PDB file of all heavy atoms in Angstrom:
ATOM      1  N   GLU A   1      82.656  90.031  69.556  1.00  0.00           N
ATOM      2  CA  GLU A   1      82.075  90.693  68.379  1.00  0.00           C
ATOM      3  C   GLU A   1      81.102  89.761  67.658  1.00  0.00           C
ATOM      4  O   GLU A   1      80.028  90.185  67.226  1.00  0.00           O
ATOM      5  CB  GLU A   1      83.182  91.159  67.440  1.00  0.00           C
ATOM      6  CG  GLU A   1      83.989  92.315  67.999  1.00  0.00           C
ATOM      7  CD  GLU A   1      85.181  92.713  67.133  1.00  0.00           C
ATOM      8  OE1 GLU A   1      85.379  92.116  66.047  1.00  0.00           O
ATOM      9  OE2 GLU A   1      85.925  93.618  67.549  1.00  0.00           O
ATOM     10  N   GLU A   2      81.469  88.485  67.568  1.00  0.00           N
ATOM     11  CA  GLU A   2      80.616  87.484  66.925  1.00  0.00           C
ATOM     12  C   GLU A   2      79.287  87.315  67.679  1.00  0.00           C
ATOM     13  O   GLU A   2      78.217  87.271  67.067  1.00  0.00           O
ATOM     14  CB  GLU A   2      81.373  86.154  66.876  1.00  0.00           C
ATOM     15  CG  GLU A   2      80.596  84.969  66.359  1.00  0.00           C
ATOM     16  CD  GLU A   2      81.359  83.649  66.540  1.00  0.00           C
ATOM     17  OE1 GLU A   2      82.598  83.665  66.734  1.00  0.00           O
ATOM     18  OE2 GLU A   2      80.696  82.599  66.500  1.00  0.00           O
ATOM     19  N   LEU A   3      79.348  87.235  68.988  1.00  0.00           N
ATOM     20  CA  LEU A   3      78.145  86.998  69.792  1.00  0.00           C
ATOM     21  C   LEU A   3      77.264  88.232  69.970  1.00  0.00           C
ATOM     22  O   LEU A   3      76.041  88.132  69.929  1.00  0.00           O
ATOM     23  CB  LEU A   3      78.525  86.489  71.182  1.00  0.00           C
ATOM     24  CG  LEU A   3      78.807  85.017  71.363  1.00  0.00           C
ATOM     25  CD1 LEU A   3      79.174  84.730  72.810  1.00  0.00           C
ATOM     26  CD2 LEU A   3      77.623  84.169  70.949  1.00  0.00           C
ATOM     27  N   PHE A   4      77.897  89.380  70.183  1.00  0.00           N
ATOM     28  CA  PHE A   4      77.143  90.560  70.592  1.00  0.00           C
ATOM     29  C   PHE A   4      77.094  91.682  69.552  1.00  0.00           C
ATOM     30  O   PHE A   4      76.436  92.699  69.775  1.00  0.00           O
ATOM     31  CB  PHE A   4      77.675  91.089  71.928  1.00  0.00           C
ATOM     32  CG  PHE A   4      77.710  90.039  73.008  1.00  0.00           C
ATOM     33  CD1 PHE A   4      78.907  89.631  73.573  1.00  0.00           C
ATOM     34  CD2 PHE A   4      76.537  89.430  73.450  1.00  0.00           C
ATOM     35  CE1 PHE A   4      78.942  88.657  74.564  1.00  0.00           C
ATOM     36  CE2 PHE A   4      76.554  88.457  74.437  1.00  0.00           C
ATOM     37  CZ  PHE A   4      77.759  88.062  74.986  1.00  0.00           C
ATOM     38  N   GLY A   5      77.815  91.511  68.431  1.00  0.00           N
ATOM     39  CA  GLY A   5      77.746  92.484  67.345  1.00  0.00           C
ATOM     40  C   GLY A   5      78.385  93.829  67.641  1.00  0.00           C
ATOM     41  O   GLY A   5      78.074  94.825  66.975  1.00  0.00           O
ATOM     42  N   GLU A   6      79.256  93.882  68.628  1.00  0.00           N
ATOM     43  CA  GLU A   6      79.975  95.126  68.936  1.00  0.00           C
ATOM     44  C   GLU A   6      81.329  94.797  69.532  1.00  0.00           C
ATOM     45  O   GLU A   6      81.558  93.673  69.988  1.00  0.00           O
ATOM     46  CB  GLU A   6      79.175  95.995  69.899  1.00  0.00           C
ATOM     47  CG  GLU A   6      78.915  95.343  71.248  1.00  0.00           C
ATOM     48  CD  GLU A   6      78.020  96.184  72.151  1.00  0.00           C
ATOM     49  OE1 GLU A   6      77.263  97.036  71.640  1.00  0.00           O
ATOM     50  OE2 GLU A   6      78.075  95.991  73.362  1.00  0.00           O
ATOM     51  N   LYS A   7      82.217  95.780  69.522  1.00  0.00           N
ATOM     52  CA  LYS A   7      83.550  95.573  70.091  1.00  0.00           C
ATOM     53  C   LYS A   7      83.465  95.645  71.615  1.00  0.00           C
ATOM     54  O   LYS A   7      82.764  96.487  72.158  1.00  0.00           O
ATOM     55  CB  LYS A   7      84.513  96.645  69.586  1.00  0.00           C
ATOM     56  CG  LYS A   7      84.860  96.508  68.116  1.00  0.00           C
ATOM     57  CD  LYS A   7      85.988  97.453  67.764  1.00  0.00           C
ATOM     58  CE  LYS A   7      86.388  97.298  66.317  1.00  0.00           C
ATOM     59  NZ  LYS A   7      87.053  96.058  66.026  1.00  0.00           N
ATOM     60  N   PRO A   8      84.189  94.756  72.300  1.00  0.00           N
ATOM     61  CA  PRO A   8      84.200  94.833  73.770  1.00  0.00           C
ATOM     62  C   PRO A   8      85.110  95.966  74.235  1.00  0.00           C
ATOM     63  O   PRO A   8      85.971  96.425  73.487  1.00  0.00           O
ATOM     64  CB  PRO A   8      84.773  93.479  74.182  1.00  0.00           C
ATOM     65  CG  PRO A   8      85.699  93.126  73.063  1.00  0.00           C
ATOM     66  CD  PRO A   8      85.007  93.648  71.816  1.00  0.00           C
ATOM     67  N   GLU A   9      84.923  96.387  75.454  1.00  0.00           N
ATOM     68  CA  GLU A   9      85.837  97.347  76.064  1.00  0.00           C
ATOM     69  C   GLU A   9      87.012  96.543  76.605  1.00  0.00           C
ATOM     70  O   GLU A   9      86.842  95.717  77.497  1.00  0.00           O
ATOM     71  CB  GLU A   9      85.138  98.096  77.191  1.00  0.00           C
ATOM     72  CG  GLU A   9      86.010  99.120  77.847  1.00  0.00           C
ATOM     73  CD  GLU A   9      85.321  99.869  78.978  1.00  0.00           C
ATOM     74  OE1 GLU A   9      84.119  99.652  79.215  1.00  0.00           O
ATOM     75  OE2 GLU A   9      86.004 100.667  79.630  1.00  0.00           O
ATOM     76  N   VAL A  10      88.184  96.765  76.043  1.00  0.00           N
ATOM     77  CA  VAL A  10      89.395  96.061  76.466  1.00  0.00           C
ATOM     78  C   VAL A  10      90.293  97.082  77.147  1.00  0.00           C
ATOM     79  O   VAL A  10      90.639  98.099  76.547  1.00  0.00           O
ATOM     80  CB  VAL A  10      90.135  95.424  75.273  1.00  0.00           C
ATOM     81  CG1 VAL A  10      91.429  94.771  75.719  1.00  0.00           C
ATOM     82  CG2 VAL A  10      89.240  94.420  74.564  1.00  0.00           C
ATOM     83  N   LYS A  11      90.627  96.806  78.395  1.00  0.00           N
ATOM     84  CA  LYS A  11      91.490  97.746  79.108  1.00  0.00           C
ATOM     85  C   LYS A  11      92.281  97.027  80.182  1.00  0.00           C
ATOM     86  O   LYS A  11      91.888  95.964  80.660  1.00  0.00           O
ATOM     87  CB  LYS A  11      90.679  98.881  79.711  1.00  0.00           C
ATOM     88  CG  LYS A  11      89.654  98.454  80.747  1.00  0.00           C
ATOM     89  CD  LYS A  11      88.874  99.664  81.244  1.00  0.00           C
ATOM     90  CE  LYS A  11      87.862  99.260  82.288  1.00  0.00           C
ATOM     91  NZ  LYS A  11      87.129 100.413  82.801  1.00  0.00           N
ATOM     92  N   ALA A  12      93.393  97.620  80.529  1.00  0.00           N
ATOM     93  CA  ALA A  12      94.185  97.143  81.656  1.00  0.00           C
ATOM     94  C   ALA A  12      93.721  97.927  82.868  1.00  0.00           C
ATOM     95  O   ALA A  12      93.414  99.116  82.775  1.00  0.00           O
ATOM     96  CB  ALA A  12      95.665  97.390  81.395  1.00  0.00           C
ATOM     97  N   ILE A  13      93.637  97.255  84.010  1.00  0.00           N
ATOM     98  CA  ILE A  13      93.209  97.925  85.236  1.00  0.00           C
ATOM     99  C   ILE A  13      94.227  97.684  86.342  1.00  0.00           C
ATOM    100  O   ILE A  13      95.030  96.752  86.274  1.00  0.00           O
ATOM    101  CB  ILE A  13      91.810  97.455  85.699  1.00  0.00           C
ATOM    102  CG1 ILE A  13      91.808  95.963  86.025  1.00  0.00           C
ATOM    103  CG2 ILE A  13      90.758  97.804  84.664  1.00  0.00           C
ATOM    104  CD1 ILE A  13      90.561  95.486  86.724  1.00  0.00           C
ATOM    105  N   HIS A  14      94.152  98.509  87.353  1.00  0.00           N
ATOM    106  CA  HIS A  14      95.041  98.395  88.501  1.00  0.00           C
ATOM    107  C   HIS A  14      94.244  97.757  89.629  1.00  0.00           C
ATOM    108  O   HIS A  14      93.461  98.419  90.298  1.00  0.00           O
ATOM    109  CB  HIS A  14      95.523  99.789  88.901  1.00  0.00           C
ATOM    110  CG  HIS A  14      96.467  99.776  90.058  1.00  0.00           C
ATOM    111  ND1 HIS A  14      97.724  99.220  89.977  1.00  0.00           N
ATOM    112  CD2 HIS A  14      96.343 100.232  91.315  1.00  0.00           C
ATOM    113  CE1 HIS A  14      98.328  99.345  91.137  1.00  0.00           C
ATOM    114  NE2 HIS A  14      97.507  99.957  91.966  1.00  0.00           N
ATOM    115  N   ALA A  15      94.391  96.461  89.780  1.00  0.00           N
ATOM    116  CA  ALA A  15      93.636  95.749  90.807  1.00  0.00           C
ATOM    117  C   ALA A  15      94.366  94.465  91.169  1.00  0.00           C
ATOM    118  O   ALA A  15      95.191  93.972  90.405  1.00  0.00           O
ATOM    119  CB  ALA A  15      92.235  95.419  90.292  1.00  0.00           C
ATOM    120  N   GLY A  16      94.052  93.930  92.317  1.00  0.00           N
ATOM    121  CA  GLY A  16      94.570  92.625  92.702  1.00  0.00           C
ATOM    122  C   GLY A  16      93.589  91.571  92.220  1.00  0.00           C
ATOM    123  O   GLY A  16      92.482  91.488  92.726  1.00  0.00           O
ATOM    124  N   LEU A  17      93.988  90.820  91.216  1.00  0.00           N
ATOM    125  CA  LEU A  17      93.094  89.808  90.650  1.00  0.00           C
ATOM    126  C   LEU A  17      93.722  88.424  90.762  1.00  0.00           C
ATOM    127  O   LEU A  17      94.937  88.286  90.828  1.00  0.00           O
ATOM    128  CB  LEU A  17      92.801  90.110  89.177  1.00  0.00           C
ATOM    129  CG  LEU A  17      92.052  91.404  88.876  1.00  0.00           C
ATOM    130  CD1 LEU A  17      91.973  91.631  87.376  1.00  0.00           C
ATOM    131  CD2 LEU A  17      90.663  91.364  89.472  1.00  0.00           C
ATOM    132  N   GLU A  18      92.873  87.422  90.707  1.00  0.00           N
ATOM    133  CA  GLU A  18      93.345  86.042  90.771  1.00  0.00           C
ATOM    134  C   GLU A  18      94.273  85.720  89.605  1.00  0.00           C
ATOM    135  O   GLU A  18      95.118  84.836  89.705  1.00  0.00           O
ATOM    136  CB  GLU A  18      92.157  85.085  90.786  1.00  0.00           C
ATOM    137  CG  GLU A  18      91.360  85.126  92.075  1.00  0.00           C
ATOM    138  CD  GLU A  18      90.453  86.348  92.225  1.00  0.00           C
ATOM    139  OE1 GLU A  18      90.296  87.131  91.264  1.00  0.00           O
ATOM    140  OE2 GLU A  18      89.902  86.528  93.320  1.00  0.00           O
ATOM    141  N   CYS A  19      94.138  86.441  88.498  1.00  0.00           N
ATOM    142  CA  CYS A  19      95.025  86.204  87.345  1.00  0.00           C
ATOM    143  C   CYS A  19      96.489  86.335  87.752  1.00  0.00           C
ATOM    144  O   CYS A  19      97.344  85.613  87.237  1.00  0.00           O
ATOM    145  CB  CYS A  19      94.710  87.181  86.219  1.00  0.00           C
ATOM    146  SG  CYS A  19      93.114  86.889  85.437  1.00  0.00           S
ATOM    147  N   GLY A  20      96.795  87.251  88.662  1.00  0.00           N
ATOM    148  CA  GLY A  20      98.168  87.407  89.135  1.00  0.00           C
ATOM    149  C   GLY A  20      98.674  86.165  89.843  1.00  0.00           C
ATOM    150  O   GLY A  20      99.835  85.785  89.715  1.00  0.00           O
ATOM    151  N   ILE A  21      97.804  85.514  90.596  1.00  0.00           N
ATOM    152  CA  ILE A  21      98.175  84.274  91.297  1.00  0.00           C
ATOM    153  C   ILE A  21      98.468  83.176  90.281  1.00  0.00           C
ATOM    154  O   ILE A  21      99.471  82.475  90.365  1.00  0.00           O
ATOM    155  CB  ILE A  21      97.063  83.860  92.281  1.00  0.00           C
ATOM    156  CG1 ILE A  21      96.906  84.930  93.368  1.00  0.00           C
ATOM    157  CG2 ILE A  21      97.365  82.495  92.889  1.00  0.00           C
ATOM    158  CD1 ILE A  21      95.671  84.784  94.225  1.00  0.00           C
ATOM    159  N   PHE A  22      97.593  83.025  89.280  1.00  0.00           N
ATOM    160  CA  PHE A  22      97.815  82.019  88.237  1.00  0.00           C
ATOM    161  C   PHE A  22      99.071  82.337  87.435  1.00  0.00           C
ATOM    162  O   PHE A  22      99.871  81.454  87.115  1.00  0.00           O
ATOM    163  CB  PHE A  22      96.614  81.936  87.288  1.00  0.00           C
ATOM    164  CG  PHE A  22      95.336  81.511  87.957  1.00  0.00           C
ATOM    165  CD1 PHE A  22      94.151  82.153  87.672  1.00  0.00           C
ATOM    166  CD2 PHE A  22      95.308  80.466  88.862  1.00  0.00           C
ATOM    167  CE1 PHE A  22      92.961  81.763  88.280  1.00  0.00           C
ATOM    168  CE2 PHE A  22      94.125  80.071  89.485  1.00  0.00           C
ATOM    169  CZ  PHE A  22      92.949  80.724  89.180  1.00  0.00           C
ATOM    170  N   TYR A  23      99.255  83.621  87.103  1.00  0.00           N
ATOM    171  CA  TYR A  23     100.405  84.064  86.308  1.00  0.00           C
ATOM    172  C   TYR A  23     101.717  83.768  87.030  1.00  0.00           C
ATOM    173  O   TYR A  23     102.700  83.381  86.412  1.00  0.00           O
ATOM    174  CB  TYR A  23     100.269  85.564  86.020  1.00  0.00           C
ATOM    175  CG  TYR A  23     101.293  86.122  85.074  1.00  0.00           C
ATOM    176  CD1 TYR A  23     101.143  85.997  83.697  1.00  0.00           C
ATOM    177  CD2 TYR A  23     102.420  86.794  85.550  1.00  0.00           C
ATOM    178  CE1 TYR A  23     102.081  86.517  82.823  1.00  0.00           C
ATOM    179  CE2 TYR A  23     103.357  87.311  84.680  1.00  0.00           C
ATOM    180  CZ  TYR A  23     103.194  87.173  83.328  1.00  0.00           C
ATOM    181  OH  TYR A  23     104.132  87.696  82.464  1.00  0.00           O
ATOM    182  N   GLU A  24     101.718  83.941  88.346  1.00  0.00           N
ATOM    183  CA  GLU A  24     102.916  83.659  89.141  1.00  0.00           C
ATOM    184  C   GLU A  24     103.238  82.165  89.138  1.00  0.00           C
ATOM    185  O   GLU A  24     104.389  81.759  89.090  1.00  0.00           O
ATOM    186  CB  GLU A  24     102.723  84.152  90.570  1.00  0.00           C
ATOM    187  CG  GLU A  24     103.945  83.927  91.453  1.00  0.00           C
ATOM    188  CD  GLU A  24     103.722  84.414  92.862  1.00  0.00           C
ATOM    189  OE1 GLU A  24     102.824  83.876  93.552  1.00  0.00           O
ATOM    190  OE2 GLU A  24     104.454  85.329  93.268  1.00  0.00           O
ATOM    191  N   LYS A  25     102.203  81.324  89.185  1.00  0.00           N
ATOM    192  CA  LYS A  25     102.392  79.870  89.236  1.00  0.00           C
ATOM    193  C   LYS A  25     102.748  79.276  87.874  1.00  0.00           C
ATOM    194  O   LYS A  25     103.379  78.232  87.792  1.00  0.00           O
ATOM    195  CB  LYS A  25     101.126  79.178  89.760  1.00  0.00           C
ATOM    196  CG  LYS A  25     100.682  79.640  91.124  1.00  0.00           C
ATOM    197  CD  LYS A  25     101.584  79.123  92.198  1.00  0.00           C
ATOM    198  CE  LYS A  25     101.053  79.547  93.563  1.00  0.00           C
ATOM    199  NZ  LYS A  25     102.034  79.406  94.610  1.00  0.00           N
ATOM    200  N   ILE A  26     102.290  79.937  86.794  1.00  0.00           N
ATOM    201  CA  ILE A  26     102.525  79.443  85.437  1.00  0.00           C
ATOM    202  C   ILE A  26     103.153  80.580  84.627  1.00  0.00           C
ATOM    203  O   ILE A  26     102.447  81.323  83.923  1.00  0.00           O
ATOM    204  CB  ILE A  26     101.212  78.968  84.772  1.00  0.00           C
ATOM    205  CG1 ILE A  26     100.465  77.996  85.679  1.00  0.00           C
ATOM    206  CG2 ILE A  26     101.488  78.353  83.404  1.00  0.00           C
ATOM    207  CD1 ILE A  26      99.044  77.696  85.237  1.00  0.00           C
ATOM    208  N   PRO A  27     104.471  80.780  84.720  1.00  0.00           N
ATOM    209  CA  PRO A  27     105.124  81.902  84.036  1.00  0.00           C
ATOM    210  C   PRO A  27     104.798  81.920  82.533  1.00  0.00           C
ATOM    211  O   PRO A  27     104.762  80.889  81.875  1.00  0.00           O
ATOM    212  CB  PRO A  27     106.613  81.639  84.270  1.00  0.00           C
ATOM    213  CG  PRO A  27     106.655  80.823  85.521  1.00  0.00           C
ATOM    214  CD  PRO A  27     105.417  79.963  85.470  1.00  0.00           C
TER     215      PRO A  27
END
């Protein structure tokens, strides 16, 4: 909001992402 003057689109998605790998390694 500070940089672009608008709210970002925040959503949960159904996908295989690297975040899951990191999340598994660092509970």
